[in-house]
């Protein structure tokens, strides 16, 4: 299995940033270590409510770098946010050899752990980008509802020249300027990425072996969700998952239409955290 990190020093740099971000977070929260089929998984819990939301971040993100959306979700739910193993964060560093099979088993372990802590509370599963693809690999019978934001797992990313011009300099030069340019590219028009997020993406470029978006999941996994309680939301300026292609996939594979958020990009959950929480709440 491949490590997410270029070196032990890089791994330590990432972990230090994550721990410092959590330590400085004003929102009351707890941290947990969960033993799973993919190794140690770091989970942050916060909020209160009659329902539980399990949140899975996207590629290169984790609970520590998702404070905006987690704070909004915590206003409505008891939230459990997990760092995906093999992604930058506080979970196990190694990536599964077969990501689809590996993450499918992992998300089952995670949901089982949350269910044991939550009694009879309804569990809502929410994921952004790669986290949405992992959520789609879960057994629909384990949760009350599923919310997918800017989701991977339904269609493939088609690289464009503009995409390469935004991503390659970030990977090669690994500085704040190119991290900001990448985040600007991923954001909706007029949206300015937070300075902490720019710092985080700079650290990721320097310390990590970044991965692209996962490809579409097998249809046999996706069609299981037909007829279940599912919502999909995408920004109308999403540069990775264009509306037309995602719309077609949602209709064919999930039998639903995505909710399109005006003036939002791929970082929808960061740009519209309260709307994100409202969409998840619509599953209840």
Protein backbone atom coordinates (compact mmCIF):
# COMPACT_ATOMS: atom_id res chain seq x y z
CA UNK A 1 0.00 0.00 0.00
CA UNK A 2 1.14 3.54 -0.79
CA UNK A 3 1.53 6.18 1.91
CA UNK A 4 -0.15 9.54 1.51
CA UNK A 5 3.12 11.23 2.52
CA UNK A 6 6.41 11.88 0.77
CA UNK A 7 8.37 11.36 4.00
CA UNK A 8 7.95 10.93 7.77
CA UNK A 9 8.83 14.62 8.17
CA UNK A 10 5.99 15.55 5.81
CA UNK A 11 3.57 13.35 7.72
CA UNK A 12 4.55 15.07 10.96
CA UNK A 13 4.07 18.50 9.41
CA UNK A 14 0.54 17.59 8.31
CA UNK A 15 -0.34 16.10 11.67
CA UNK A 16 1.00 19.11 13.55
CA UNK A 17 -1.13 21.45 11.43
CA UNK A 18 -4.24 19.34 12.01
CA UNK A 19 -3.76 19.11 15.76
CA UNK A 20 -3.08 22.85 16.01
CA UNK A 21 -6.21 23.63 13.98
CA UNK A 22 -8.34 21.45 16.26
CA UNK A 23 -6.74 22.89 19.40
CA UNK A 24 -7.55 26.42 18.24
CA UNK A 25 -11.11 25.65 17.21
CA UNK A 26 -13.62 27.50 19.40
CA UNK A 27 -16.41 24.97 18.75
CA UNK A 28 -16.60 22.34 21.53
CA UNK A 29 -15.62 18.94 20.15
CA UNK A 30 -14.10 15.59 21.02
CA UNK A 31 -11.60 13.41 19.16
CA UNK A 32 -11.69 9.64 18.86
CA UNK A 33 -9.48 6.89 17.48
CA UNK A 34 -11.39 4.07 15.79
CA UNK A 35 -9.87 0.73 14.80
CA UNK A 36 -11.03 -0.16 11.27
CA UNK A 37 -10.18 -2.49 8.42
CA UNK A 38 -7.94 0.28 7.00
CA UNK A 39 -6.18 0.90 10.27
CA UNK A 40 -6.50 3.71 12.78
CA UNK A 41 -9.18 6.27 11.88
CA UNK A 42 -9.34 9.69 13.50
CA UNK A 43 -12.86 10.99 14.13
CA UNK A 44 -14.00 14.38 15.42
CA UNK A 45 -17.41 14.58 17.09
CA UNK A 46 -19.38 17.73 17.88
CA UNK A 47 -22.88 19.16 18.09
CA UNK A 48 -26.12 17.74 19.42
CA UNK A 49 -29.52 16.74 18.16
CA UNK A 50 -31.95 13.90 17.64
CA UNK A 51 -30.19 12.78 14.46
CA UNK A 52 -26.59 11.89 13.68
CA UNK A 53 -24.58 13.02 10.64
CA UNK A 54 -21.49 11.10 9.56
CA UNK A 55 -19.39 13.41 7.37
CA UNK A 56 -16.68 12.27 4.94
CA UNK A 57 -14.35 14.97 3.52
CA UNK A 58 -13.02 15.09 -0.03
CA UNK A 59 -9.57 14.56 -1.51
CA UNK A 60 -6.84 16.38 0.47
CA UNK A 61 -9.35 17.51 3.12
CA UNK A 62 -10.13 16.21 6.60
CA UNK A 63 -12.02 17.17 9.74
CA UNK A 64 -9.35 19.70 10.77
CA UNK A 65 -9.62 21.57 7.46
CA UNK A 66 -13.44 21.43 7.37
CA UNK A 67 -14.37 23.57 10.36
CA UNK A 68 -16.85 25.78 8.48
CA UNK A 69 -19.09 23.00 7.24
CA UNK A 70 -18.74 20.97 10.44
CA UNK A 71 -19.77 23.97 12.53
CA UNK A 72 -22.89 24.41 10.39
CA UNK A 73 -23.78 20.71 10.58
CA UNK A 74 -23.29 20.75 14.36
CA UNK A 75 -26.05 23.33 14.64
CA UNK A 76 -28.51 20.63 13.57
CA UNK A 77 -26.96 17.23 14.35
CA UNK A 78 -24.56 15.23 16.43
CA UNK A 79 -21.72 15.09 13.88
CA UNK A 80 -18.97 12.52 13.42
CA UNK A 81 -16.36 13.62 10.85
CA UNK A 82 -13.73 11.07 9.85
CA UNK A 83 -10.35 11.60 8.21
CA UNK A 84 -10.17 9.14 5.33
CA UNK A 85 -7.24 6.70 5.67
CA UNK A 86 -4.71 7.38 2.94
CA UNK A 87 -5.60 11.07 2.73
CA UNK A 88 -3.74 13.90 4.53
CA UNK A 89 -4.86 14.06 8.14
CA UNK A 90 -4.73 12.14 11.39
CA UNK A 91 -5.86 8.71 10.20
CA UNK A 92 -3.67 5.86 8.94
CA UNK A 93 -1.35 7.00 6.15
CA UNK A 94 -1.60 4.02 3.80
CA UNK A 95 -4.02 3.93 0.89
CA UNK A 96 -5.90 0.70 0.16
CA UNK A 97 -4.63 -1.29 -2.80
CA UNK A 98 -8.17 -1.48 -4.16
CA UNK A 99 -9.79 1.81 -3.12
CA UNK A 100 -13.35 0.78 -3.88
CA UNK A 101 -13.26 -2.46 -1.90
CA UNK A 102 -11.09 -0.97 0.84
CA UNK A 103 -13.25 2.08 1.48
CA UNK A 104 -16.47 0.07 1.24
CA UNK A 105 -15.33 -2.07 4.16
CA UNK A 106 -13.98 0.97 6.00
CA UNK A 107 -17.20 3.00 5.82
CA UNK A 108 -19.13 -0.02 7.10
CA UNK A 109 -16.79 -0.19 10.10
CA UNK A 110 -17.22 3.54 10.70
CA UNK A 111 -21.02 3.46 10.52
CA UNK A 112 -21.12 0.45 12.86
CA UNK A 113 -18.98 2.35 15.39
CA UNK A 114 -21.21 5.42 15.17
CA UNK A 115 -24.36 3.29 15.48
CA UNK A 116 -23.11 1.69 18.69
CA UNK A 117 -22.62 5.16 20.19
CA UNK A 118 -25.90 6.60 18.92
CA UNK A 119 -28.58 4.23 20.16
CA UNK A 120 -31.79 4.64 18.16
CA UNK A 121 -30.81 7.92 16.47
CA UNK A 122 -31.18 8.07 12.72
CA UNK A 123 -27.83 8.16 10.91
CA UNK A 124 -27.42 10.47 7.93
CA UNK A 125 -24.35 9.96 5.76
CA UNK A 126 -22.87 12.97 3.95
CA UNK A 127 -19.80 13.22 1.75
CA UNK A 128 -17.98 15.79 -0.33
CA UNK A 129 -16.15 14.87 -3.56
CA UNK A 130 -14.06 11.74 -2.79
CA UNK A 131 -15.96 11.43 0.48
CA UNK A 132 -19.18 11.20 -1.53
CA UNK A 133 -17.75 8.32 -3.58
CA UNK A 134 -16.84 6.52 -0.37
CA UNK A 135 -20.35 7.18 0.99
CA UNK A 136 -21.87 5.70 -2.17
CA UNK A 137 -19.99 2.47 -1.49
CA UNK A 138 -21.86 2.04 1.82
CA UNK A 139 -24.81 -0.31 2.27
CA UNK A 140 -27.96 1.84 1.93
CA UNK A 141 -29.68 -0.17 4.65
CA UNK A 142 -27.18 1.07 7.25
CA UNK A 143 -28.29 4.72 7.10
CA UNK A 144 -31.49 6.73 7.04
CA UNK A 145 -30.32 9.05 4.26
CA UNK A 146 -27.41 10.04 2.02
CA UNK A 147 -26.30 13.54 0.98
CA UNK A 148 -23.71 13.91 -1.79
CA UNK A 149 -21.96 17.22 -2.43
CA UNK A 150 -19.87 17.82 -5.58
CA UNK A 151 -19.74 14.04 -5.75
CA UNK A 152 -17.06 11.85 -7.20
CA UNK A 153 -18.06 8.26 -7.91
CA UNK A 154 -20.76 9.02 -10.49
CA UNK A 155 -18.76 10.35 -13.45
CA UNK A 156 -15.09 10.55 -14.42
CA UNK A 157 -13.10 13.77 -14.27
CA UNK A 158 -12.13 14.89 -17.77
CA UNK A 159 -8.90 16.91 -17.56
CA UNK A 160 -8.88 20.18 -19.50
CA UNK A 161 -6.04 22.53 -20.34
CA UNK A 162 -7.36 25.04 -17.80
CA UNK A 163 -7.51 22.33 -15.15
CA UNK A 164 -3.90 21.33 -15.81
CA UNK A 165 -2.76 24.95 -15.71
CA UNK A 166 -4.27 25.23 -12.23
CA UNK A 167 -3.20 21.90 -10.76
CA UNK A 168 0.28 21.25 -12.17
CA UNK A 169 1.95 24.45 -10.82
CA UNK A 170 0.50 23.67 -7.39
CA UNK A 171 2.02 20.19 -7.51
CA UNK A 172 5.38 21.37 -8.85
CA UNK A 173 6.10 24.72 -7.18
CA UNK A 174 4.30 23.98 -3.88
CA UNK A 175 3.88 27.56 -2.71
CA UNK A 176 1.10 29.72 -1.29
CA UNK A 177 0.52 31.57 -4.56
CA UNK A 178 -0.19 28.42 -6.54
CA UNK A 179 -2.26 26.95 -3.70
CA UNK A 180 -4.43 30.07 -3.80
CA UNK A 181 -4.71 29.88 -7.58
CA UNK A 182 -5.84 26.25 -7.35
CA UNK A 183 -8.43 27.09 -4.70
CA UNK A 184 -9.63 30.06 -6.79
CA UNK A 185 -10.07 27.68 -9.72
CA UNK A 186 -12.06 25.27 -7.58
CA UNK A 187 -14.27 28.05 -6.16
CA UNK A 188 -17.30 29.80 -7.56
CA UNK A 189 -17.10 33.29 -9.06
CA UNK A 190 -16.32 35.99 -6.52
CA UNK A 191 -15.48 33.49 -3.79
CA UNK A 192 -12.23 34.06 -1.89
CA UNK A 193 -10.61 31.01 -0.24
CA UNK A 194 -9.85 31.35 3.46
CA UNK A 195 -6.20 32.02 4.35
CA UNK A 196 -6.07 28.91 6.55
CA UNK A 197 -7.22 26.82 3.59
CA UNK A 198 -4.47 28.30 1.41
CA UNK A 199 -1.91 27.42 4.08
CA UNK A 200 -3.31 23.90 4.33
CA UNK A 201 -3.17 23.25 0.58
CA UNK A 202 0.40 24.53 0.49
CA UNK A 203 1.35 22.02 3.18
CA UNK A 204 -0.43 19.24 1.28
CA UNK A 205 1.53 20.01 -1.90
CA UNK A 206 4.83 19.93 -0.02
CA UNK A 207 4.19 16.93 2.22
CA UNK A 208 1.85 14.63 0.33
CA UNK A 209 1.44 12.48 -2.74
CA UNK A 210 -1.83 13.95 -3.92
CA UNK A 211 -4.39 11.76 -5.68
CA UNK A 212 -6.85 12.60 -8.40
CA UNK A 213 -10.57 12.04 -8.08
CA UNK A 214 -11.72 8.41 -8.04
CA UNK A 215 -13.47 7.09 -11.11
CA UNK A 216 -17.13 6.09 -11.28
CA UNK A 217 -18.21 3.30 -8.96
CA UNK A 218 -19.58 0.11 -10.49
CA UNK A 219 -23.24 0.50 -11.50
CA UNK A 220 -24.17 -2.44 -9.27
CA UNK A 221 -23.16 -0.35 -6.25
CA UNK A 222 -24.84 2.84 -7.42
CA UNK A 223 -28.24 1.41 -8.36
CA UNK A 224 -28.64 0.05 -4.83
CA UNK A 225 -29.44 3.63 -3.81
CA UNK A 226 -32.41 3.96 -6.18
CA UNK A 227 -35.56 4.48 -4.15
CA UNK A 228 -33.61 5.42 -1.04
CA UNK A 229 -33.46 8.77 0.73
CA UNK A 230 -30.74 10.51 -1.32
CA UNK A 231 -29.90 14.14 -2.14
CA UNK A 232 -27.21 15.38 -4.56
CA UNK A 233 -25.98 18.97 -4.72
CA UNK A 234 -23.46 20.54 -7.08
CA UNK A 235 -22.25 24.09 -7.76
CA UNK A 236 -23.09 25.51 -11.15
CA UNK A 237 -19.38 26.32 -11.59
CA UNK A 238 -18.01 22.92 -10.53
CA UNK A 239 -14.88 22.48 -12.65
CA UNK A 240 -14.51 18.75 -11.98
CA UNK A 241 -18.10 17.52 -12.27
CA UNK A 242 -19.99 19.60 -14.85
CA UNK A 243 -23.72 19.85 -14.34
CA UNK A 244 -24.77 18.31 -17.66
CA UNK A 245 -22.74 15.13 -17.16
CA UNK A 246 -23.64 14.82 -13.49
CA UNK A 247 -27.32 15.40 -14.23
CA UNK A 248 -27.34 12.51 -16.72
CA UNK A 249 -25.55 10.18 -14.31
CA UNK A 250 -27.88 11.06 -11.42
CA UNK A 251 -30.97 10.36 -13.51
CA UNK A 252 -29.64 7.08 -14.88
CA UNK A 253 -27.94 5.67 -11.79
CA UNK A 254 -29.83 7.18 -8.84
CA UNK A 255 -33.16 8.12 -10.42
CA UNK A 256 -32.98 11.69 -9.13
CA UNK A 257 -31.98 15.18 -10.24
CA UNK A 258 -29.14 17.08 -8.56
CA UNK A 259 -29.81 20.36 -6.81
CA UNK A 260 -27.74 23.03 -8.53
CA UNK A 261 -26.32 25.78 -6.31
CA UNK A 262 -25.87 29.13 -8.12
CA UNK A 263 -22.43 30.78 -8.11
CA UNK A 264 -20.81 27.87 -6.29
CA UNK A 265 -17.82 25.80 -7.36
CA UNK A 266 -16.37 22.45 -6.41
CA UNK A 267 -15.77 23.73 -2.88
CA UNK A 268 -19.53 23.94 -2.36
CA UNK A 269 -19.44 22.78 1.27
CA UNK A 270 -16.90 25.49 2.14
CA UNK A 271 -18.73 28.20 0.21
CA UNK A 272 -22.24 27.37 1.43
CA UNK A 273 -21.92 25.60 4.80
CA UNK A 274 -25.38 26.59 6.06
CA UNK A 275 -27.02 25.44 2.83
CA UNK A 276 -25.06 22.21 3.09
CA UNK A 277 -26.46 21.63 6.58
CA UNK A 278 -29.99 22.45 5.37
CA UNK A 279 -29.71 19.91 2.54
CA UNK A 280 -28.64 17.21 4.99
CA UNK A 281 -31.48 18.22 7.31
CA UNK A 282 -33.90 17.69 4.42
CA UNK A 283 -33.16 13.97 4.70
CA UNK A 284 -34.79 13.76 8.13
